[in-house]
């Protein structure tokens, strides 16, 4: 057995109304990738924030190289050779890569910063670990994947031997994910110890040596990755079998609920400007829009809900022209909107769950009667939706910002679907969600379809679209390249359309 780099013994962390970690035992061997797997809200990030000194455990012990240590802040963690890359990067956009890496470190020569020596050290690290970057580029000009490399270089520059990566692939493209995995494999061969926090099963099985599964703040088990399957890990995560096959049933189509006719929307980015988009969605079907992010997906959603003004074309809902009608009127008419960014567009972070549940209807009965707001009605309504949509923790006073990503999404889905809409626009509906929360969202969308509603799903996850959609349109630089029914063509042809090649006659 390898020497242990890190040991956590009986770690417990409690927040008001929530036990985030309860008696957690975890160890990390030198030169291994140990995955920490669990649903949104299982306690993964909290546990690692304890290790990194962002939180103080209520009880328990941390050992580094077998010695008990006290970590009260990130400086303590760094001093013990621990580095952490968070989901949201901590970089100064106007600084160069070099300036970001050395920021906060003592690299002075006398009274001035010794940039020459710092530059040499940073470049040496980039070369040694094959982190190909131009250290003189400003961070604001970098892709998300390169920004993540900068965060990793920051850890290495500070001497980290234990690397913690919290959901590192959540915002990466498939190619960037592969690049990251190659980097982490190289780190492992060079003796680094890595904790890889994720809820994506294929990444865990492809990269890690061992997996520890957390559920509701407790350790379910720690297993050798080679001895488990993705299905068994999913069951350990959620405590039950997960549905992975949503093959479409025989369609029972109703009247058309949504139509776009030659819709044009101008965008700051030419590639995402819409150019004569025409599509329709009928009741009783799920239509998907596939494509690489940034090709007009957001603009289609904005056109449907009325956030962006059209420069041409028409938007029809149930046969009526809604092109000039304001967003709130569209929602009241029966258009539900699950936005792609739940934190920015779906919730008000400092509002409670109950307040977020009625944000579109707060001034309507039964929440406001004769001009007087009725808090009890809001709370009863919220409690009903919390139960029906399995929001955790089931406490309506909790603020939106204190929920896990999966439960934030459940609040948005609950609010939108509870209004009995005729059409549902779901944009990136499972982005950042674990397998259990994703399954929940899929089932709710399928229930709406089976009830005769029209559903349009816009997603960068092609497998997701192939799994739940009845028809799929492919978008490239603001134009539709083709339409097909899942199962009739392969990934190669779909990829060609996503790259800009039109394929006719596939629907």
Protein backbone atom coordinates (compact mmCIF):
# COMPACT_ATOMS: atom_id res chain seq x y z
CA UNK A 1 0.00 0.00 0.00
CA UNK A 2 1.25 3.47 -0.88
CA UNK A 3 2.13 5.96 1.80
CA UNK A 4 -0.85 8.14 2.71
CA UNK A 5 -0.56 11.80 1.73
CA UNK A 6 -3.78 12.88 3.46
CA UNK A 7 -6.14 11.39 6.05
CA UNK A 8 -9.47 12.77 7.21
CA UNK A 9 -10.86 11.17 10.35
CA UNK A 10 -14.47 11.61 11.52
CA UNK A 11 -14.92 15.02 9.90
CA UNK A 12 -18.24 16.67 10.79
CA UNK A 13 -19.42 20.05 9.51
CA UNK A 14 -22.83 21.48 10.41
CA UNK A 15 -24.55 24.55 8.99
CA UNK A 16 -27.89 25.94 10.22
CA UNK A 17 -30.56 23.36 9.37
CA UNK A 18 -28.06 21.18 7.45
CA UNK A 19 -25.49 18.53 8.39
CA UNK A 20 -23.12 18.87 5.45
CA UNK A 21 -20.59 16.22 6.58
CA UNK A 22 -21.15 13.62 9.28
CA UNK A 23 -18.27 11.51 10.58
CA UNK A 24 -16.48 11.37 7.21
CA UNK A 25 -13.37 9.22 6.87
CA UNK A 26 -11.27 9.65 3.74
CA UNK A 27 -7.66 9.06 2.73
CA UNK A 28 -5.50 9.92 -0.25
CA UNK A 29 -2.45 7.91 -1.28
CA UNK A 30 0.65 9.47 -2.76
CA UNK A 31 0.63 9.31 -6.54
CA UNK A 32 -3.06 8.49 -7.03
CA UNK A 33 -6.20 10.10 -8.37
CA UNK A 34 -8.94 9.62 -5.79
CA UNK A 35 -12.39 10.65 -7.02
CA UNK A 36 -14.96 12.10 -4.65
CA UNK A 37 -18.36 11.29 -6.12
CA UNK A 38 -21.86 12.23 -5.05
CA UNK A 39 -25.08 14.01 -5.89
CA UNK A 40 -25.36 17.79 -5.81
CA UNK A 41 -25.48 18.67 -2.11
CA UNK A 42 -23.89 15.41 -0.96
CA UNK A 43 -21.13 17.31 0.87
CA UNK A 44 -18.21 16.91 -1.55
CA UNK A 45 -17.23 20.55 -1.86
CA UNK A 46 -17.85 21.22 1.84
CA UNK A 47 -15.45 18.43 2.80
CA UNK A 48 -12.72 19.76 0.55
CA UNK A 49 -13.32 23.33 1.72
CA UNK A 50 -12.56 22.02 5.23
CA UNK A 51 -9.28 20.54 3.95
CA UNK A 52 -8.40 23.83 2.22
CA UNK A 53 -9.22 25.95 5.28
CA UNK A 54 -12.25 27.76 3.88
CA UNK A 55 -14.43 26.07 6.52
CA UNK A 56 -13.54 24.87 9.99
CA UNK A 57 -14.77 21.40 10.87
CA UNK A 58 -16.94 21.11 13.98
CA UNK A 59 -15.09 17.93 14.85
CA UNK A 60 -12.56 15.53 13.38
CA UNK A 61 -8.87 15.34 12.51
CA UNK A 62 -6.75 16.12 9.45
CA UNK A 63 -3.39 14.38 8.94
CA UNK A 64 -0.72 15.21 6.36
CA UNK A 65 1.95 12.52 5.89
CA UNK A 66 0.67 10.89 9.05
CA UNK A 67 0.99 13.99 11.23
CA UNK A 68 -2.02 15.82 12.71
CA UNK A 69 -2.25 19.36 11.35
CA UNK A 70 -4.44 22.38 12.02
CA UNK A 71 -5.75 24.19 8.94
CA UNK A 72 -7.67 27.37 9.68
CA UNK A 73 -7.29 29.21 6.37
CA UNK A 74 -5.99 28.64 2.81
CA UNK A 75 -2.53 29.93 3.75
CA UNK A 76 -2.24 27.04 6.22
CA UNK A 77 -3.31 24.61 3.50
CA UNK A 78 -0.78 26.00 1.03
CA UNK A 79 1.95 25.79 3.66
CA UNK A 80 1.12 22.07 3.99
CA UNK A 81 1.36 21.55 0.22
CA UNK A 82 -2.38 21.59 -0.54
CA UNK A 83 -3.77 23.47 -3.54
CA UNK A 84 -7.37 23.77 -4.74
CA UNK A 85 -8.98 24.79 -8.02
CA UNK A 86 -12.56 25.90 -7.46
CA UNK A 87 -15.49 25.68 -9.88
CA UNK A 88 -15.37 29.47 -10.31
CA UNK A 89 -11.86 30.65 -11.10
CA UNK A 90 -10.12 33.26 -8.96
CA UNK A 91 -8.21 35.22 -11.57
CA UNK A 92 -7.78 38.93 -12.38
CA UNK A 93 -8.93 39.31 -16.02
CA UNK A 94 -6.69 42.30 -16.86
CA UNK A 95 -3.54 40.66 -15.44
CA UNK A 96 -1.30 38.41 -17.50
CA UNK A 97 -0.90 34.72 -16.71
CA UNK A 98 2.46 35.47 -15.08
CA UNK A 99 0.99 38.24 -12.93
CA UNK A 100 -1.91 36.05 -11.83
CA UNK A 101 0.39 33.18 -10.90
CA UNK A 102 2.72 35.26 -8.70
CA UNK A 103 -0.04 37.43 -7.20
CA UNK A 104 0.01 37.12 -3.42
CA UNK A 105 3.43 35.46 -3.27
CA UNK A 106 6.67 36.96 -2.03
CA UNK A 107 8.90 37.08 -5.10
CA UNK A 108 10.72 40.30 -4.34
CA UNK A 109 14.34 41.14 -4.86
CA UNK A 110 14.96 43.84 -2.35
CA UNK A 111 12.02 46.23 -2.58
CA UNK A 112 10.88 45.32 -6.10
CA UNK A 113 9.23 42.28 -7.66
CA UNK A 114 11.80 39.95 -9.19
CA UNK A 115 9.91 39.33 -12.44
CA UNK A 116 12.90 37.77 -14.19
CA UNK A 117 13.27 34.99 -11.63
CA UNK A 118 9.49 34.53 -11.33
CA UNK A 119 9.16 34.30 -15.11
CA UNK A 120 11.84 31.63 -15.28
CA UNK A 121 10.20 29.59 -12.50
CA UNK A 122 6.71 29.80 -14.03
CA UNK A 123 7.98 28.90 -17.50
CA UNK A 124 9.90 25.95 -16.03
CA UNK A 125 6.70 24.63 -14.44
CA UNK A 126 4.79 25.04 -17.71
CA UNK A 127 7.47 23.10 -19.59
CA UNK A 128 7.85 20.37 -16.95
CA UNK A 129 4.13 19.60 -16.75
CA UNK A 130 3.39 20.30 -20.44
CA UNK A 131 1.00 23.16 -19.62
CA UNK A 132 1.33 24.99 -22.92
CA UNK A 133 0.42 28.64 -22.33
CA UNK A 134 1.82 32.05 -23.25
CA UNK A 135 2.48 33.51 -19.82
CA UNK A 136 2.33 37.07 -21.18
CA UNK A 137 -1.29 36.78 -22.38
CA UNK A 138 -3.99 38.57 -20.41
CA UNK A 139 -6.44 36.21 -18.72
CA UNK A 140 -9.45 37.99 -20.23
CA UNK A 141 -8.30 36.83 -23.69
CA UNK A 142 -8.08 33.15 -22.71
CA UNK A 143 -10.54 30.29 -23.20
CA UNK A 144 -12.05 28.70 -20.11
CA UNK A 145 -9.79 25.67 -20.53
CA UNK A 146 -6.63 27.79 -20.55
CA UNK A 147 -7.85 29.77 -17.54
CA UNK A 148 -8.14 26.49 -15.68
CA UNK A 149 -4.53 25.70 -16.59
CA UNK A 150 -3.56 29.03 -15.03
CA UNK A 151 -5.24 27.99 -11.77
CA UNK A 152 -3.30 24.72 -11.86
CA UNK A 153 -0.03 26.57 -12.51
CA UNK A 154 -0.81 28.77 -9.49
CA UNK A 155 -1.03 25.65 -7.31
CA UNK A 156 2.21 24.22 -8.66
CA UNK A 157 4.03 27.55 -8.22
CA UNK A 158 3.08 27.47 -4.53
CA UNK A 159 4.52 23.98 -4.15
CA UNK A 160 1.32 21.92 -4.01
CA UNK A 161 1.75 18.15 -3.74
CA UNK A 162 -1.94 17.51 -3.01
CA UNK A 163 -4.19 18.93 -5.74
CA UNK A 164 -7.94 19.32 -5.19
CA UNK A 165 -10.07 19.95 -8.29
CA UNK A 166 -13.73 20.79 -7.59
CA UNK A 167 -15.97 19.91 -10.55
CA UNK A 168 -13.13 20.85 -12.94
CA UNK A 169 -14.93 19.81 -16.15
CA UNK A 170 -18.26 21.60 -15.55
CA UNK A 171 -17.48 24.43 -17.98
CA UNK A 172 -15.09 22.69 -20.39
CA UNK A 173 -15.62 21.51 -23.95
CA UNK A 174 -15.09 17.78 -24.69
CA UNK A 175 -11.62 18.46 -26.11
CA UNK A 176 -10.68 20.53 -23.05
CA UNK A 177 -11.86 17.68 -20.79
CA UNK A 178 -9.53 15.27 -22.59
CA UNK A 179 -6.63 17.74 -22.26
CA UNK A 180 -7.27 18.10 -18.53
CA UNK A 181 -7.35 14.34 -18.04
CA UNK A 182 -4.02 13.96 -19.81
CA UNK A 183 -2.55 16.64 -17.55
CA UNK A 184 -3.82 14.92 -14.41
CA UNK A 185 -2.48 11.54 -15.56
CA UNK A 186 0.92 13.19 -16.03
CA UNK A 187 0.72 14.66 -12.53
CA UNK A 188 -0.01 11.21 -11.15
CA UNK A 189 3.04 9.66 -12.85
CA UNK A 190 5.16 12.46 -11.36
CA UNK A 191 4.02 11.65 -7.81
CA UNK A 192 1.29 14.24 -7.24
CA UNK A 193 -1.78 13.22 -5.25
CA UNK A 194 -5.08 14.35 -6.73
CA UNK A 195 -8.62 14.61 -5.36
CA UNK A 196 -11.04 14.81 -8.29
CA UNK A 197 -14.52 16.00 -7.29
CA UNK A 198 -17.18 15.13 -9.81
CA UNK A 199 -20.66 13.77 -10.39
CA UNK A 200 -19.89 12.61 -13.96
CA UNK A 201 -19.56 8.86 -13.88
CA UNK A 202 -17.62 8.36 -17.10
CA UNK A 203 -14.94 10.84 -16.03
CA UNK A 204 -14.54 9.11 -12.69
CA UNK A 205 -14.18 5.66 -14.23
CA UNK A 206 -11.82 6.93 -16.95
CA UNK A 207 -9.43 8.79 -14.64
CA UNK A 208 -9.44 7.68 -11.00
CA UNK A 209 -7.71 4.89 -9.11
CA UNK A 210 -10.22 4.86 -6.25
CA UNK A 211 -13.65 6.36 -5.68
CA UNK A 212 -15.27 7.50 -2.45
CA UNK A 213 -19.03 8.02 -2.73
CA UNK A 214 -20.82 10.51 -0.46
CA UNK A 215 -24.56 10.57 0.07
CA UNK A 216 -26.31 13.06 2.36
CA UNK A 217 -22.98 14.00 3.96
CA UNK A 218 -21.91 10.44 4.81
CA UNK A 219 -19.48 8.02 3.17
CA UNK A 220 -21.31 5.22 1.39
CA UNK A 221 -18.15 3.33 0.40
CA UNK A 222 -14.62 3.63 -0.98
CA UNK A 223 -13.86 1.25 -3.86
CA UNK A 224 -11.17 0.52 -6.43
CA UNK A 225 -12.36 2.01 -9.71
CA UNK A 226 -11.41 -1.06 -11.73
CA UNK A 227 -13.86 -3.14 -9.69
CA UNK A 228 -17.01 -1.06 -10.28
CA UNK A 229 -19.32 -0.07 -13.12
CA UNK A 230 -20.93 3.27 -13.84
CA UNK A 231 -24.29 1.71 -13.01
CA UNK A 232 -23.16 0.51 -9.58
CA UNK A 233 -21.64 3.92 -8.81
CA UNK A 234 -24.89 5.63 -9.81
CA UNK A 235 -26.82 3.35 -7.46
CA UNK A 236 -24.40 4.13 -4.63
CA UNK A 237 -24.80 7.87 -5.28
CA UNK A 238 -28.59 8.00 -5.10
CA UNK A 239 -29.49 4.83 -3.19
CA UNK A 240 -31.61 3.34 -5.99
CA UNK A 241 -31.41 2.22 -9.59
CA UNK A 242 -31.20 5.02 -12.17
CA UNK A 243 -33.11 5.05 -15.45
CA UNK A 244 -30.69 5.45 -18.34
CA UNK A 245 -32.98 4.67 -21.28
CA UNK A 246 -35.72 7.13 -22.24
CA UNK A 247 -36.51 5.83 -25.71
CA UNK A 248 -39.38 7.75 -27.24
CA UNK A 249 -42.79 6.15 -27.17
CA UNK A 250 -45.19 6.29 -30.12
CA UNK A 251 -45.99 9.95 -30.65
CA UNK A 252 -49.46 11.32 -30.01
CA UNK A 253 -49.17 14.77 -31.52
CA UNK A 254 -51.54 17.65 -30.87
CA UNK A 255 -51.85 21.11 -32.35
CA UNK A 256 -48.85 23.30 -32.93
CA UNK A 257 -47.98 25.39 -29.86
CA UNK A 258 -44.89 27.30 -30.99
CA UNK A 259 -43.66 28.49 -34.37
CA UNK A 260 -40.71 30.63 -35.40
CA UNK A 261 -40.91 32.02 -38.93
CA UNK A 262 -37.71 33.42 -40.48
CA UNK A 263 -36.57 34.79 -37.13
CA UNK A 264 -33.49 37.01 -37.19
CA UNK A 265 -31.71 38.31 -34.07
CA UNK A 266 -28.54 40.36 -34.14
CA UNK A 267 -25.80 39.48 -31.65
CA UNK A 268 -22.45 40.99 -30.74
CA UNK A 269 -20.91 37.76 -32.03
CA UNK A 270 -21.61 37.11 -35.72
CA UNK A 271 -21.62 33.35 -35.19
CA UNK A 272 -24.52 33.57 -32.73
CA UNK A 273 -26.72 35.97 -34.73
CA UNK A 274 -29.87 34.21 -35.93
CA UNK A 275 -30.40 34.09 -39.69
CA UNK A 276 -33.95 33.23 -40.81
CA UNK A 277 -34.63 30.52 -38.23
CA UNK A 278 -37.87 28.61 -38.82
CA UNK A 279 -39.09 25.78 -36.60
CA UNK A 280 -42.24 24.50 -34.93
CA UNK A 281 -43.12 22.50 -31.83
CA UNK A 282 -46.39 20.61 -31.47
CA UNK A 283 -48.07 19.46 -28.31
CA UNK A 284 -46.98 15.95 -27.33
CA UNK A 285 -43.38 16.12 -28.56
CA UNK A 286 -39.92 17.09 -27.35
CA UNK A 287 -37.87 18.90 -29.97
CA UNK A 288 -34.16 19.35 -29.39
CA UNK A 289 -31.66 21.89 -30.67
CA UNK A 290 -28.09 20.61 -30.86
CA UNK A 291 -24.88 22.45 -31.58
CA UNK A 292 -21.66 23.75 -30.11
CA UNK A 293 -22.26 26.53 -27.58
CA UNK A 294 -22.19 30.03 -29.04
CA UNK A 295 -23.94 29.26 -32.32
CA UNK A 296 -27.20 31.04 -31.54
CA UNK A 297 -28.74 28.82 -28.87
CA UNK A 298 -29.15 31.61 -26.32
CA UNK A 299 -30.55 33.92 -29.01
CA UNK A 300 -33.27 31.40 -29.91
CA UNK A 301 -34.30 31.18 -26.27
CA UNK A 302 -34.26 34.96 -25.87
CA UNK A 303 -36.40 35.37 -29.00
CA UNK A 304 -39.00 32.92 -27.70
CA UNK A 305 -39.38 34.54 -24.28
CA UNK A 306 -39.06 38.10 -25.58
CA UNK A 307 -35.74 39.09 -24.02
CA UNK A 308 -34.19 39.99 -27.38
CA UNK A 309 -35.84 42.16 -30.02
CA UNK A 310 -36.26 40.54 -33.42
CA UNK A 311 -34.60 42.15 -36.41
CA UNK A 312 -36.85 40.05 -38.64
CA UNK A 313 -39.43 37.28 -38.61
CA UNK A 314 -42.25 36.29 -36.27
CA UNK A 315 -42.80 34.26 -33.08
CA UNK A 316 -46.19 32.55 -32.78
CA UNK A 317 -47.63 30.90 -29.65
CA UNK A 318 -50.82 28.89 -30.11
CA UNK A 319 -51.41 30.62 -33.42
CA UNK A 320 -51.09 34.19 -32.09
CA UNK A 321 -48.29 36.55 -33.05
CA UNK A 322 -46.27 37.24 -29.87
CA UNK A 323 -43.35 38.98 -31.59
CA UNK A 324 -44.01 42.34 -29.93
CA UNK A 325 -45.47 41.07 -26.64
CA UNK A 326 -43.43 41.57 -23.45
CA UNK A 327 -41.83 38.71 -21.58
CA UNK A 328 -44.17 38.68 -18.59
CA UNK A 329 -47.24 38.50 -20.83
CA UNK A 330 -45.70 35.53 -22.63
CA UNK A 331 -45.11 33.72 -19.35
CA UNK A 332 -48.64 34.48 -18.17
CA UNK A 333 -50.00 33.17 -21.47
CA UNK A 334 -48.45 29.74 -20.84
CA UNK A 335 -44.79 29.79 -21.91
CA UNK A 336 -42.53 28.24 -19.28
CA UNK A 337 -38.84 29.12 -19.29
CA UNK A 338 -36.06 27.08 -17.67
CA UNK A 339 -33.02 29.33 -18.33
CA UNK A 340 -29.52 28.05 -19.05
CA UNK A 341 -28.00 29.91 -16.08
CA UNK A 342 -30.14 29.20 -13.04
CA UNK A 343 -28.09 31.44 -10.76
CA UNK A 344 -28.10 34.48 -13.03
CA UNK A 345 -31.50 34.17 -14.72
CA UNK A 346 -33.51 31.57 -12.80
CA UNK A 347 -33.27 32.58 -9.15
CA UNK A 348 -32.74 35.56 -6.89
CA UNK A 349 -29.97 34.25 -4.67
CA UNK A 350 -30.94 36.23 -1.57
CA UNK A 351 -34.62 35.28 -1.77
CA UNK A 352 -35.95 32.24 0.07
CA UNK A 353 -37.16 29.12 -1.73
CA UNK A 354 -40.74 30.24 -1.07
CA UNK A 355 -40.13 33.69 -2.54
CA UNK A 356 -38.42 32.25 -5.60
CA UNK A 357 -41.34 29.85 -6.15
CA UNK A 358 -43.81 32.72 -6.69
CA UNK A 359 -41.54 35.29 -8.27
CA UNK A 360 -43.71 35.51 -11.41
CA UNK A 361 -47.05 35.45 -9.56
CA UNK A 362 -46.47 37.27 -6.28
CA UNK A 363 -49.02 39.96 -7.13
CA UNK A 364 -51.75 37.50 -8.14
CA UNK A 365 -54.25 35.53 -5.99
CA UNK A 366 -53.88 33.63 -3.74
CA UNK A 367 -50.57 35.32 -2.87
CA UNK A 368 -51.95 38.86 -3.08
CA UNK A 369 -55.61 39.49 -2.34
CA UNK A 370 -57.13 42.98 -2.73
CA UNK A 371 -53.66 44.50 -2.80
CA UNK A 372 -52.51 42.73 0.40
CA UNK A 373 -49.73 40.13 0.29
CA UNK A 374 -50.56 36.80 2.03
CA UNK A 375 -47.34 35.14 3.32
CA UNK A 376 -49.17 32.03 4.55
CA UNK A 377 -50.45 31.30 1.05
CA UNK A 378 -46.91 31.61 -0.33
CA UNK A 379 -45.51 29.22 2.30
CA UNK A 380 -48.27 26.63 1.79
CA UNK A 381 -47.69 26.73 -1.95
CA UNK A 382 -43.92 26.45 -1.54
CA UNK A 383 -44.22 23.51 0.86
CA UNK A 384 -46.43 21.68 -1.65
CA UNK A 385 -43.93 22.20 -4.49
CA UNK A 386 -40.95 21.34 -2.29
CA UNK A 387 -42.60 18.00 -1.50
CA UNK A 388 -43.72 17.31 -5.09
CA UNK A 389 -40.36 18.19 -6.65
CA UNK A 390 -38.21 16.74 -3.84
CA UNK A 391 -36.27 19.92 -3.05
CA UNK A 392 -33.65 19.34 -0.35
CA UNK A 393 -33.47 20.41 2.37
CA UNK A 394 -37.31 20.69 2.47
CA UNK A 395 -37.34 24.04 4.28
CA UNK A 396 -38.96 26.98 2.51
CA UNK A 397 -37.03 29.62 4.53
CA UNK A 398 -33.64 28.60 3.07
CA UNK A 399 -32.10 31.14 0.68
CA UNK A 400 -31.61 30.22 -2.95
CA UNK A 401 -27.85 30.78 -2.70
CA UNK A 402 -27.58 28.16 0.06
CA UNK A 403 -28.97 25.34 -2.09
CA UNK A 404 -26.85 22.93 -4.14
CA UNK A 405 -26.94 23.35 -7.91
CA UNK A 406 -29.29 20.42 -8.37
CA UNK A 407 -31.77 21.74 -5.84
CA UNK A 408 -31.60 25.24 -7.29
CA UNK A 409 -32.59 23.68 -10.60
CA UNK A 410 -35.45 21.81 -8.94
CA UNK A 411 -36.80 25.11 -7.60
CA UNK A 412 -36.73 26.62 -11.11
CA UNK A 413 -38.35 23.54 -12.66
CA UNK A 414 -40.99 23.43 -9.93
CA UNK A 415 -41.90 27.09 -10.41
CA UNK A 416 -42.12 26.86 -14.19
CA UNK A 417 -44.00 23.58 -14.49
CA UNK A 418 -46.45 24.30 -11.66
CA UNK A 419 -48.02 27.08 -13.73
CA UNK A 420 -49.55 24.47 -16.12
CA UNK A 421 -47.83 25.85 -19.23
CA UNK A 422 -48.70 24.92 -22.78
CA UNK A 423 -45.09 25.13 -23.92
CA UNK A 424 -41.82 24.57 -22.05
CA UNK A 425 -38.48 26.02 -23.15
CA UNK A 426 -35.71 24.13 -21.34
CA UNK A 427 -32.24 25.55 -21.93
CA UNK A 428 -29.29 23.39 -20.80
CA UNK A 429 -31.71 21.80 -18.29
CA UNK A 430 -29.18 19.48 -16.61
CA UNK A 431 -25.94 21.48 -16.92
CA UNK A 432 -23.91 20.86 -13.77
CA UNK A 433 -26.40 18.34 -12.37
CA UNK A 434 -25.60 14.87 -11.05
CA UNK A 435 -27.11 11.69 -12.47
CA UNK A 436 -29.98 11.62 -9.97
CA UNK A 437 -30.98 15.26 -10.46
CA UNK A 438 -30.68 14.87 -14.25
CA UNK A 439 -32.97 11.85 -14.17
CA UNK A 440 -35.50 13.88 -12.19
CA UNK A 441 -35.50 16.70 -14.76
CA UNK A 442 -35.83 14.26 -17.67
CA UNK A 443 -38.83 12.57 -16.07
CA UNK A 444 -40.57 15.90 -15.48
CA UNK A 445 -40.05 16.97 -19.11
CA UNK A 446 -41.32 13.61 -20.34
CA UNK A 447 -44.38 13.91 -18.09
CA UNK A 448 -45.15 17.27 -19.69
CA UNK A 449 -44.75 15.83 -23.17
CA UNK A 450 -46.98 12.87 -22.34
CA UNK A 451 -49.60 15.30 -21.03
CA UNK A 452 -49.76 16.94 -24.46
CA UNK A 453 -47.45 19.89 -23.85
CA UNK A 454 -44.85 21.04 -26.35
CA UNK A 455 -41.23 21.00 -25.16
CA UNK A 456 -38.15 22.56 -26.76
CA UNK A 457 -34.83 21.47 -25.23
CA UNK A 458 -31.70 23.44 -26.12
CA UNK A 459 -28.59 21.60 -24.94
CA UNK A 460 -24.88 21.27 -25.66
CA UNK A 461 -25.09 17.66 -24.43
CA UNK A 462 -25.81 15.63 -27.57
CA UNK A 463 -26.30 12.38 -25.64
CA UNK A 464 -28.97 14.09 -23.56
CA UNK A 465 -30.87 15.18 -26.67
CA UNK A 466 -30.60 11.75 -28.29
CA UNK A 467 -31.97 10.20 -25.11
CA UNK A 468 -35.15 12.25 -24.63
CA UNK A 469 -36.03 14.04 -27.89
CA UNK A 470 -38.45 13.02 -30.63
CA UNK A 471 -36.85 15.33 -33.22
CA UNK A 472 -33.52 17.19 -33.22
CA UNK A 473 -32.46 20.27 -35.20
CA UNK A 474 -28.77 21.11 -35.52
CA UNK A 475 -27.66 24.75 -35.25
CA UNK A 476 -24.48 26.24 -36.70
CA UNK A 477 -23.65 29.96 -36.76
CA UNK A 478 -27.27 30.96 -36.35
CA UNK A 479 -28.66 28.67 -39.05
CA UNK A 480 -30.34 25.25 -38.99
CA UNK A 481 -28.18 22.70 -40.80
CA UNK A 482 -30.70 19.87 -40.71
CA UNK A 483 -33.32 17.96 -38.76
CA UNK A 484 -33.41 14.27 -37.86
CA UNK A 485 -35.10 11.67 -35.70
CA UNK A 486 -32.78 10.03 -33.13
CA UNK A 487 -31.56 6.65 -34.26
CA UNK A 488 -31.56 7.21 -38.02
CA UNK A 489 -28.05 8.67 -38.37
CA UNK A 490 -24.75 8.29 -36.53
CA UNK A 491 -22.53 10.66 -34.57
CA UNK A 492 -20.38 11.30 -37.63
CA UNK A 493 -23.20 12.83 -39.66
CA UNK A 494 -24.41 14.81 -36.65
CA UNK A 495 -20.88 16.10 -36.14
CA UNK A 496 -20.73 17.25 -39.76
CA UNK A 497 -23.88 19.30 -39.26
CA UNK A 498 -22.53 20.75 -36.02
CA UNK A 499 -19.48 21.79 -38.04
CA UNK A 500 -21.53 23.59 -40.69
CA UNK A 501 -22.42 20.99 -43.33
CA UNK A 502 -26.06 20.80 -44.39
CA UNK A 503 -27.61 17.34 -44.57
CA UNK A 504 -31.01 17.32 -46.22
CA UNK A 505 -33.96 14.94 -45.98
CA UNK A 506 -33.21 13.36 -42.62
CA UNK A 507 -36.44 14.08 -40.70
